Amino acid sequence: MDIIDNLRAATEGDVSEALERADTRLPIESVVDLLEAYNRILDQRLGLPEPTETETKRMP
């Protein structure tokens, strides 16, 4: 299962299902990327504005 499949599952159904299907060997950065992409898709579907640059910066 790759990140794209998990993202597709997350956008079509239950987030917990997608996370359960996720490869637990993924580095945490990949999981964070997956969740950020999922959140962007949800925001778009809800018609929310794009986040500002400061809102998207990760903490060091």
C-alpha atoms as a PDB file:
ATOM      1  CA  MET A   1       0.000   0.000   0.000  1.00  0.00           C
ATOM      2  CA  ASP A   2       1.474   3.340  -0.923  1.00  0.00           C
ATOM      3  CA  ILE A   3       0.776   6.871   0.231  1.00  0.00           C
ATOM      4  CA  ILE A   4      -1.409   7.640  -2.798  1.00  0.00           C
ATOM      5  CA  ASP A   5      -3.680   4.658  -2.077  1.00  0.00           C
ATOM      6  CA  ASN A   6      -3.972   5.715   1.544  1.00  0.00           C
ATOM      7  CA  LEU A   7      -4.743   9.300   0.584  1.00  0.00           C
ATOM      8  CA  ARG A   8      -7.378   8.096  -1.877  1.00  0.00           C
ATOM      9  CA  ALA A   9      -8.972   5.951   0.836  1.00  0.00           C
ATOM     10  CA  ALA A  10      -8.910   8.875   3.244  1.00  0.00           C
ATOM     11  CA  THR A  11     -10.672  11.163   0.790  1.00  0.00           C
ATOM     12  CA  GLU A  12     -13.282   8.559  -0.123  1.00  0.00           C
ATOM     13  CA  GLY A  13     -14.088   7.260   3.318  1.00  0.00           C
ATOM     14  CA  ASP A  14     -13.069   7.058   6.897  1.00  0.00           C
ATOM     15  CA  VAL A  15      -9.736   8.538   7.996  1.00  0.00           C
ATOM     16  CA  SER A  16      -9.233   5.820  10.571  1.00  0.00           C
ATOM     17  CA  GLU A  17      -9.640   3.200   7.836  1.00  0.00           C
ATOM     18  CA  ALA A  18      -6.944   4.861   5.770  1.00  0.00           C
ATOM     19  CA  LEU A  19      -4.597   5.084   8.729  1.00  0.00           C
ATOM     20  CA  GLU A  20      -5.210   1.439   9.603  1.00  0.00           C
ATOM     21  CA  ARG A  21      -4.337   0.516   6.027  1.00  0.00           C
ATOM     22  CA  ALA A  22      -1.210   2.672   6.127  1.00  0.00           C
ATOM     23  CA  ASP A  23       2.127   0.944   6.063  1.00  0.00           C
ATOM     24  CA  THR A  24       3.376   1.258   9.633  1.00  0.00           C
ATOM     25  CA  ARG A  25       6.932   1.177   8.351  1.00  0.00           C
ATOM     26  CA  LEU A  26       6.547   4.608   6.803  1.00  0.00           C
ATOM     27  CA  PRO A  27       8.759   7.286   8.301  1.00  0.00           C
ATOM     28  CA  ILE A  28       6.832   9.775  10.419  1.00  0.00           C
ATOM     29  CA  GLU A  29       7.481  12.485   7.814  1.00  0.00           C
ATOM     30  CA  SER A  30       5.514  10.464   5.254  1.00  0.00           C
ATOM     31  CA  VAL A  31       2.602  10.072   7.648  1.00  0.00           C
ATOM     32  CA  VAL A  32       2.651  13.811   8.330  1.00  0.00           C
ATOM     33  CA  ASP A  33       2.695  14.493   4.573  1.00  0.00           C
ATOM     34  CA  LEU A  34      -0.278  12.155   4.132  1.00  0.00           C
ATOM     35  CA  LEU A  35      -2.290  13.888   6.836  1.00  0.00           C
ATOM     36  CA  GLU A  36      -1.419  17.349   5.524  1.00  0.00           C
ATOM     37  CA  ALA A  37      -2.541  16.351   2.025  1.00  0.00           C
ATOM     38  CA  TYR A  38      -5.759  14.911   3.444  1.00  0.00           C
ATOM     39  CA  ASN A  39      -6.412  18.143   5.339  1.00  0.00           C
ATOM     40  CA  ARG A  40      -5.823  20.215   2.191  1.00  0.00           C
ATOM     41  CA  ILE A  41      -8.341  18.101   0.278  1.00  0.00           C
ATOM     42  CA  LEU A  42     -10.917  18.443   3.046  1.00  0.00           C
ATOM     43  CA  ASP A  43     -10.361  22.201   3.186  1.00  0.00           C
ATOM     44  CA  GLN A  44     -10.888  22.427  -0.585  1.00  0.00           C
ATOM     45  CA  ARG A  45     -14.084  20.381  -0.393  1.00  0.00           C
ATOM     46  CA  LEU A  46     -15.371  22.649   2.385  1.00  0.00           C
ATOM     47  CA  GLY A  47     -14.465  25.738   0.381  1.00  0.00           C
ATOM     48  CA  LEU A  48     -12.018  27.019   2.982  1.00  0.00           C
ATOM     49  CA  PRO A  49      -9.285  29.455   1.927  1.00  0.00           C
ATOM     50  CA  GLU A  50      -5.743  28.246   1.305  1.00  0.00           C
ATOM     51  CA  PRO A  51      -3.610  28.418   4.469  1.00  0.00           C
ATOM     52  CA  THR A  52      -1.065  31.207   4.709  1.00  0.00           C
ATOM     53  CA  GLU A  53       2.654  30.457   4.572  1.00  0.00           C
ATOM     54  CA  THR A  54       3.012  30.826   8.345  1.00  0.00           C
ATOM     55  CA  GLU A  55       0.140  28.392   8.913  1.00  0.00           C
ATOM     56  CA  THR A  56       1.809  25.725   6.801  1.00  0.00           C
ATOM     57  CA  LYS A  57       5.315  25.921   8.282  1.00  0.00           C
ATOM     58  CA  ARG A  58       6.322  22.959  10.409  1.00  0.00           C
ATOM     59  CA  MET A  59       7.836  23.401  13.809  1.00  0.00           C
ATOM     60  CA  PRO A  60      11.560  22.533  13.897  1.00  0.00           C
END
